[in-house]
Amino acid sequence: MKCKDANHVCDKSQYKESSFWEKVKLNFHLIYCRACRKYSSNNGKLTDIMNESKIETINTSDKDKMKEQLKKEMAN
């Protein structure tokens, strides 16, 4: 497995989108590739930080209203 593919599978695993065999191949790759182990570790840390954060996002209807208002302002 190439590092580029390993990083892609790592990202998929983060969102629980990778297959069993992709995970197996990734784990074998991580045994011998220090750079990908580091990437995987940092990816896990980022996921943990984001899951623990108290980020509040704007709801879709308010977002759409803001877009429409911006379009009107830009048209003037």
C-alpha atoms as a PDB file:
ATOM      1  CA  MET A   1       0.000   0.000   0.000  1.00  0.00           C
ATOM      2  CA  LYS A   2       1.343   3.415  -0.920  1.00  0.00           C
ATOM      3  CA  CYS A   3       1.440   6.152   1.709  1.00  0.00           C
ATOM      4  CA  LYS A   4      -1.098   8.201  -0.224  1.00  0.00           C
ATOM      5  CA  ASP A   5      -3.539   5.272  -0.126  1.00  0.00           C
ATOM      6  CA  ALA A   6      -2.793   4.626   3.539  1.00  0.00           C
ATOM      7  CA  ASN A   7      -3.602   8.232   4.409  1.00  0.00           C
ATOM      8  CA  HIS A   8      -6.848   8.002   2.463  1.00  0.00           C
ATOM      9  CA  VAL A   9      -7.862   4.828   4.319  1.00  0.00           C
ATOM     10  CA  CYS A  10      -6.870   6.482   7.595  1.00  0.00           C
ATOM     11  CA  ASP A  11      -9.218   9.356   6.801  1.00  0.00           C
ATOM     12  CA  LYS A  12     -11.995   6.932   5.868  1.00  0.00           C
ATOM     13  CA  SER A  13     -11.460   5.007   9.102  1.00  0.00           C
ATOM     14  CA  GLN A  14     -11.808   8.214  11.066  1.00  0.00           C
ATOM     15  CA  TYR A  15     -15.382   8.535   9.751  1.00  0.00           C
ATOM     16  CA  LYS A  16     -16.056   4.781   9.939  1.00  0.00           C
ATOM     17  CA  GLU A  17     -16.240   4.490   6.147  1.00  0.00           C
ATOM     18  CA  SER A  18     -13.405   2.013   5.571  1.00  0.00           C
ATOM     19  CA  SER A  19     -13.887  -1.696   4.989  1.00  0.00           C
ATOM     20  CA  PHE A  20     -12.416  -4.435   7.139  1.00  0.00           C
ATOM     21  CA  TRP A  21      -9.749  -5.262   4.531  1.00  0.00           C
ATOM     22  CA  GLU A  22      -8.770  -1.617   4.129  1.00  0.00           C
ATOM     23  CA  LYS A  23      -8.174  -1.454   7.874  1.00  0.00           C
ATOM     24  CA  VAL A  24      -6.110  -4.665   7.783  1.00  0.00           C
ATOM     25  CA  LYS A  25      -3.947  -3.319   4.944  1.00  0.00           C
ATOM     26  CA  LEU A  26      -3.582  -0.001   6.745  1.00  0.00           C
ATOM     27  CA  ASN A  27      -2.438  -1.684   9.951  1.00  0.00           C
ATOM     28  CA  PHE A  28       0.223  -3.662   8.067  1.00  0.00           C
ATOM     29  CA  HIS A  29       1.395  -0.461   6.403  1.00  0.00           C
ATOM     30  CA  LEU A  30       1.549   1.343   9.760  1.00  0.00           C
ATOM     31  CA  ILE A  31       3.870  -1.361  11.113  1.00  0.00           C
ATOM     32  CA  TYR A  32       6.721  -0.240   8.863  1.00  0.00           C
ATOM     33  CA  CYS A  33       5.877   3.368   7.907  1.00  0.00           C
ATOM     34  CA  ARG A  34       6.719   5.931  10.571  1.00  0.00           C
ATOM     35  CA  ALA A  35       5.327   8.868   8.570  1.00  0.00           C
ATOM     36  CA  CYS A  36       1.917   7.248   8.202  1.00  0.00           C
ATOM     37  CA  ARG A  37       1.884   6.254  11.885  1.00  0.00           C
ATOM     38  CA  LYS A  38       2.455   9.915  12.727  1.00  0.00           C
ATOM     39  CA  TYR A  39      -0.309  10.964  10.302  1.00  0.00           C
ATOM     40  CA  SER A  40      -2.678   8.418  11.829  1.00  0.00           C
ATOM     41  CA  SER A  41      -1.828   9.557  15.348  1.00  0.00           C
ATOM     42  CA  ASN A  42      -2.357  13.213  14.502  1.00  0.00           C
ATOM     43  CA  ASN A  43      -5.605  12.346  12.751  1.00  0.00           C
ATOM     44  CA  GLY A  44      -6.845  10.597  15.886  1.00  0.00           C
ATOM     45  CA  LYS A  45      -5.874  13.534  18.075  1.00  0.00           C
ATOM     46  CA  LEU A  46      -7.697  15.943  15.764  1.00  0.00           C
ATOM     47  CA  THR A  47     -10.823  13.775  15.863  1.00  0.00           C
ATOM     48  CA  ASP A  48     -10.740  13.692  19.668  1.00  0.00           C
ATOM     49  CA  ILE A  49     -10.323  17.466  19.884  1.00  0.00           C
ATOM     50  CA  MET A  50     -13.208  18.076  17.501  1.00  0.00           C
ATOM     51  CA  ASN A  51     -15.477  15.630  19.334  1.00  0.00           C
ATOM     52  CA  GLU A  52     -14.731  17.331  22.657  1.00  0.00           C
ATOM     53  CA  SER A  53     -15.223  20.864  21.349  1.00  0.00           C
ATOM     54  CA  LYS A  54     -18.255  22.966  22.099  1.00  0.00           C
ATOM     55  CA  ILE A  55     -18.591  24.338  18.578  1.00  0.00           C
ATOM     56  CA  GLU A  56     -22.019  25.635  17.680  1.00  0.00           C
ATOM     57  CA  THR A  57     -22.953  25.989  14.041  1.00  0.00           C
ATOM     58  CA  ILE A  58     -25.585  28.069  12.354  1.00  0.00           C
ATOM     59  CA  ASN A  59     -28.703  26.203  11.292  1.00  0.00           C
ATOM     60  CA  THR A  60     -29.465  25.732   7.601  1.00  0.00           C
ATOM     61  CA  SER A  61     -32.438  28.097   7.398  1.00  0.00           C
ATOM     62  CA  ASP A  62     -30.504  30.998   8.971  1.00  0.00           C
ATOM     63  CA  LYS A  63     -27.585  30.240   6.675  1.00  0.00           C
ATOM     64  CA  ASP A  64     -29.860  30.369   3.627  1.00  0.00           C
ATOM     65  CA  LYS A  65     -31.320  33.689   4.798  1.00  0.00           C
ATOM     66  CA  MET A  66     -27.818  35.121   5.138  1.00  0.00           C
ATOM     67  CA  LYS A  67     -26.935  33.945   1.625  1.00  0.00           C
ATOM     68  CA  GLU A  68     -30.021  35.587   0.160  1.00  0.00           C
ATOM     69  CA  GLN A  69     -29.311  38.831   2.005  1.00  0.00           C
ATOM     70  CA  LEU A  70     -25.728  38.790   0.750  1.00  0.00           C
ATOM     71  CA  LYS A  71     -26.897  38.200  -2.830  1.00  0.00           C
ATOM     72  CA  LYS A  72     -29.280  41.179  -2.549  1.00  0.00           C
ATOM     73  CA  GLU A  73     -26.522  43.395  -1.172  1.00  0.00           C
ATOM     74  CA  MET A  74     -24.141  42.376  -3.930  1.00  0.00           C
ATOM     75  CA  ALA A  75     -26.748  43.023  -6.625  1.00  0.00           C
ATOM     76  CA  ASN A  76     -27.146  46.666  -5.567  1.00  0.00           C
END
